[in-house]
Protein backbone atom coordinates (compact mmCIF):
# COMPACT_ATOMS: atom_id res chain seq x y z
CA MET A 1 72.20 129.84 31.88
CA SER A 2 73.36 126.24 32.17
CA ASP A 3 71.46 123.71 34.23
CA PRO A 4 72.41 123.61 37.91
CA LYS A 5 74.77 120.78 38.73
CA LEU A 6 73.76 118.79 41.82
CA ALA A 7 76.08 116.47 43.77
CA ILE A 8 74.25 114.41 46.38
CA PHE A 9 76.44 112.74 48.99
CA ASP A 10 75.78 109.77 51.21
CA VAL A 11 77.17 110.38 54.72
CA ASP A 12 78.29 107.20 56.54
CA GLY A 13 81.12 105.59 54.59
CA THR A 14 81.32 108.43 52.06
CA LEU A 15 81.87 111.72 53.89
CA VAL A 16 82.26 110.35 57.44
CA ASP A 17 84.30 107.35 58.59
CA SER A 18 81.74 105.83 60.92
CA ARG A 19 82.67 102.18 60.41
CA GLU A 20 83.88 101.59 63.95
CA VAL A 21 81.12 103.46 65.77
CA ILE A 22 78.30 101.89 63.75
CA HIS A 23 79.64 98.40 64.33
CA ARG A 24 80.12 99.05 68.04
CA ALA A 25 76.59 100.38 68.42
CA MET A 26 75.05 97.43 66.60
CA ASP A 27 77.19 94.97 68.52
CA ARG A 28 76.02 96.49 71.81
CA ALA A 29 72.41 96.49 70.64
CA PHE A 30 72.53 92.80 69.76
CA ALA A 31 74.20 91.99 73.07
CA ARG A 32 71.54 93.98 74.96
CA ALA A 33 68.86 92.01 73.12
CA GLY A 34 70.42 88.74 74.25
CA LEU A 35 71.82 87.91 70.81
CA GLY A 36 75.47 87.82 71.84
CA GLY A 37 76.72 90.64 69.62
CA ILE A 38 77.35 90.73 65.87
CA GLU A 39 80.45 90.79 63.67
CA TYR A 40 81.44 93.78 61.52
CA ASP A 41 81.25 91.94 58.20
CA ARG A 42 77.52 91.44 58.70
CA VAL A 43 76.86 94.95 59.94
CA ARG A 44 78.63 96.61 57.00
CA THR A 45 76.20 95.01 54.53
CA ILE A 46 73.16 96.93 55.82
CA VAL A 47 74.62 100.40 56.40
CA GLY A 48 72.60 103.00 54.51
CA LEU A 49 69.27 101.29 54.96
CA GLU A 50 66.56 102.72 57.21
CA LEU A 51 67.29 101.44 60.74
CA THR A 52 64.27 99.18 61.22
CA GLU A 53 64.88 97.54 57.84
CA ALA A 54 68.56 97.18 58.71
CA VAL A 55 68.04 95.38 62.02
CA LEU A 56 65.33 93.23 60.48
CA ARG A 57 67.85 91.98 57.92
CA LEU A 58 70.46 91.32 60.61
CA ALA A 59 68.25 89.65 63.21
CA PRO A 60 68.11 85.81 63.34
CA PRO A 61 65.28 84.29 61.29
CA ASP A 62 63.49 83.17 64.45
CA TYR A 63 63.76 86.54 66.20
CA PRO A 64 60.22 87.72 67.12
CA ALA A 65 58.98 90.35 64.68
CA GLU A 66 57.41 92.35 67.49
CA ARG A 67 60.87 92.84 69.03
CA ILE A 68 62.43 94.43 65.95
CA PRO A 69 61.50 98.01 67.02
CA GLU A 70 63.08 97.31 70.42
CA LEU A 71 66.28 96.14 68.75
CA ALA A 72 66.33 99.35 66.69
CA THR A 73 65.87 101.34 69.89
CA PHE A 74 68.78 99.50 71.51
CA TYR A 75 70.95 100.56 68.56
CA LYS A 76 69.96 104.22 68.89
CA GLN A 77 70.60 104.10 72.63
CA ALA A 78 74.02 102.52 72.10
CA PHE A 79 74.95 105.19 69.58
CA VAL A 80 73.93 108.01 71.91
CA GLU A 81 75.91 106.39 74.72
CA GLN A 82 79.01 106.30 72.54
CA ARG A 83 78.79 110.02 71.83
CA ALA A 84 79.24 110.66 75.56
CA GLU A 85 82.27 108.39 75.88
CA GLU A 86 85.84 109.61 75.96
CA GLY A 87 87.58 109.23 72.62
CA PHE A 88 84.41 109.10 70.53
CA SER A 89 85.15 110.13 66.95
CA GLU A 90 83.35 110.27 63.60
CA PRO A 91 86.07 111.83 61.43
CA LEU A 92 85.67 113.03 57.89
CA TYR A 93 87.55 111.01 55.29
CA ALA A 94 90.70 112.62 53.97
CA GLY A 95 89.70 114.92 51.14
CA ALA A 96 86.01 115.10 52.02
CA ARG A 97 85.94 118.66 53.34
CA GLU A 98 88.20 119.93 50.57
CA THR A 99 85.95 118.35 47.95
CA VAL A 100 82.79 119.82 49.44
CA GLU A 101 84.36 123.28 49.64
CA ARG A 102 85.76 123.05 46.10
CA LEU A 103 82.45 121.98 44.59
CA ALA A 104 80.61 124.76 46.42
CA ASP A 105 83.13 127.31 45.15
CA ALA A 106 82.74 125.94 41.62
CA GLY A 107 79.00 126.58 41.66
CA TRP A 108 77.72 123.08 42.31
CA LEU A 109 74.58 122.63 44.39
CA LEU A 110 75.17 120.11 47.16
CA GLY A 111 72.83 117.68 48.84
CA VAL A 112 72.72 114.73 51.19
CA ALA A 113 70.77 111.48 50.95
CA THR A 114 71.33 109.40 54.06
CA GLY A 115 69.88 106.55 56.05
CA LYS A 116 70.45 108.66 59.16
CA ALA A 117 67.61 110.42 60.91
CA ARG A 118 67.73 114.22 60.63
CA ARG A 119 68.76 114.53 64.27
CA GLY A 120 71.83 112.35 63.72
CA LEU A 121 72.73 114.16 60.51
CA ASP A 122 72.50 117.54 62.23
CA ILE A 123 74.80 116.38 65.03
CA VAL A 124 77.46 115.24 62.57
CA PHE A 125 77.19 118.30 60.31
CA THR A 126 77.22 120.71 63.24
CA HIS A 127 80.32 119.04 64.64
CA HIS A 128 82.14 119.32 61.32
CA GLY A 129 80.70 122.69 60.30
CA LEU A 130 79.18 121.42 57.05
CA HIS A 131 75.63 122.78 57.04
CA ARG A 132 76.52 125.97 55.17
CA TYR A 133 77.65 124.09 52.08
CA PHE A 134 74.46 122.07 51.48
CA GLN A 135 71.22 123.24 49.90
CA THR A 136 69.18 120.06 50.42
CA LEU A 137 69.31 117.48 53.21
CA GLN A 138 67.29 114.31 52.66
CA THR A 139 66.87 111.77 55.47
CA VAL A 140 64.66 108.78 56.25
CA ASP A 141 62.43 110.96 58.44
CA ALA A 142 60.52 112.24 55.42
CA GLY A 143 59.68 108.99 53.64
CA PRO A 144 61.07 105.79 52.12
CA GLY A 145 64.78 105.08 52.50
CA LYS A 146 67.30 103.57 50.10
CA PRO A 147 67.13 102.12 47.48
CA HIS A 148 63.80 103.87 46.85
CA PRO A 149 64.48 106.98 44.69
CA ARG A 150 62.49 109.35 46.93
CA MET A 151 65.47 111.12 48.54
CA VAL A 152 67.19 111.84 45.21
CA LEU A 153 63.95 112.92 43.58
CA ASP A 154 63.12 115.22 46.50
CA ALA A 155 66.63 116.71 46.43
CA MET A 156 66.38 117.44 42.72
CA ALA A 157 62.93 118.98 43.14
CA GLU A 158 64.06 121.15 46.05
CA VAL A 159 66.93 122.76 44.15
CA GLY A 160 65.54 122.61 40.62
CA ALA A 161 68.07 120.18 39.13
CA ARG A 162 67.43 117.70 36.34
CA ALA A 163 68.40 114.04 36.68
CA GLU A 164 70.84 114.47 33.78
CA ALA A 165 72.73 117.08 35.83
CA THR A 166 72.68 115.12 39.11
CA VAL A 167 75.20 112.70 40.58
CA MET A 168 74.63 110.50 43.62
CA ILE A 169 77.88 109.69 45.42
CA GLY A 170 77.93 106.77 47.84
CA ASP A 171 79.72 103.73 49.14
CA THR A 172 76.97 101.09 48.97
CA SER A 173 74.92 99.21 46.42
CA PHE A 174 71.83 100.87 47.95
CA ASP A 175 73.16 104.29 46.92
CA MET A 176 73.73 103.09 43.38
CA GLU A 177 70.29 101.51 43.11
CA MET A 178 68.69 104.68 44.46
CA ALA A 179 70.53 106.82 41.91
CA ARG A 180 69.60 104.52 39.04
CA ASN A 181 65.97 104.46 40.17
CA ALA A 182 65.96 108.27 40.05
CA LYS A 183 67.72 108.34 36.62
CA ALA A 184 70.72 110.17 38.15
CA ARG A 185 74.37 109.24 37.66
CA ALA A 186 75.51 106.60 40.15
CA VAL A 187 79.05 107.30 41.39
CA GLY A 188 80.55 104.79 43.79
CA VAL A 189 83.39 105.25 46.25
CA ALA A 190 85.38 102.28 47.50
CA TRP A 191 86.56 103.48 50.92
CA GLY A 192 83.37 102.82 52.91
CA PHE A 193 81.21 99.83 53.79
CA HIS A 194 80.59 97.89 50.57
CA THR A 195 83.22 96.30 48.36
CA PRO A 196 83.78 97.50 44.78
CA ASP A 197 82.11 94.32 43.50
CA GLU A 198 79.04 95.00 45.64
CA ILE A 199 78.92 98.63 44.52
CA GLU A 200 79.25 97.58 40.88
CA ALA A 201 76.42 95.07 41.34
CA GLY A 202 74.25 97.93 42.56
CA GLY A 203 74.58 99.63 39.18
CA ALA A 204 77.45 102.09 39.59
CA HIS A 205 78.32 104.02 36.45
CA GLU A 206 81.83 104.40 37.88
CA ILE A 207 83.75 103.64 41.09
CA HIS A 208 86.61 105.66 42.58
CA HIS A 209 89.17 104.80 45.23
CA ASP A 210 90.09 108.24 46.54
CA TYR A 211 88.79 111.80 46.54
CA ASP A 212 91.30 112.92 43.91
CA ALA A 213 89.83 110.49 41.40
CA LEU A 214 86.30 111.44 42.43
CA ASN A 215 87.06 115.13 41.90
CA ALA A 216 88.43 114.48 38.43
CA ALA A 217 85.30 112.52 37.53
CA LEU A 218 83.03 115.28 38.82
CA ASP A 219 84.92 117.85 36.77
CA ALA A 220 84.49 115.67 33.68
CA PHE A 221 80.79 115.31 34.43
CA ALA A 222 80.44 119.07 34.81
CA ASP A 223 82.17 119.60 31.48
CA GLY A 224 79.82 117.17 29.80
CA ILE A 225 82.59 114.78 28.81
CA GLY A 226 81.89 111.88 31.18
CA ALA A 227 81.74 108.40 29.76
CA PRO A 228 78.38 106.85 30.75
CA GLY A 229 78.60 103.18 31.59
CA ARG A 230 82.37 103.24 32.12
CA LEU A 231 83.62 101.64 35.34
CA ALA A 232 86.57 103.63 36.65
CA ARG A 233 88.89 101.63 38.90
């Protein structure tokens, strides 16, 4: 039997278009903390990191360290508040569901490695009916977040996949660094939070601009004919 093929997906910015809701929650959190809000172009740079680390990077240099957990709590509260508001939406990107279903039908094992807490991941996956496709769900609840390799290593261990048969698919440099640190293939997607240049700087083996291109690359990987080190535009 051939080695199991494992595709590990990031969530925010890769499967789910959460750009607006994440920015709104962080903006509200910073306003609630008396910091006057925060612009999207700063927020997008930290998406994927564990929340406390993310707000620490965004907070002003003179912001009291003891208030960082409070700022993280404000963000979580703002996100929960949004979920109850009329018109709230965290849609899947076009092609995301079809790709997940196709890979599952083709015998791939599927996983998640996300900066979300498990509770947030479960809410999103329940809403979109995605749980049944995934064999391993790795979140920051269980240990170090990105770019530490822990989530990818734990996913591989849980399903019995080798690094050589594993791809990590994500939209940030943190995803690429995490994949590289775990010796897995780092596959970037350009429709989320980080720019292609930022994703490339994180160590992407390749970058794709739509799900059609991603699917073709995954098929090539599965057939053993991928081109390591090639940057696909």
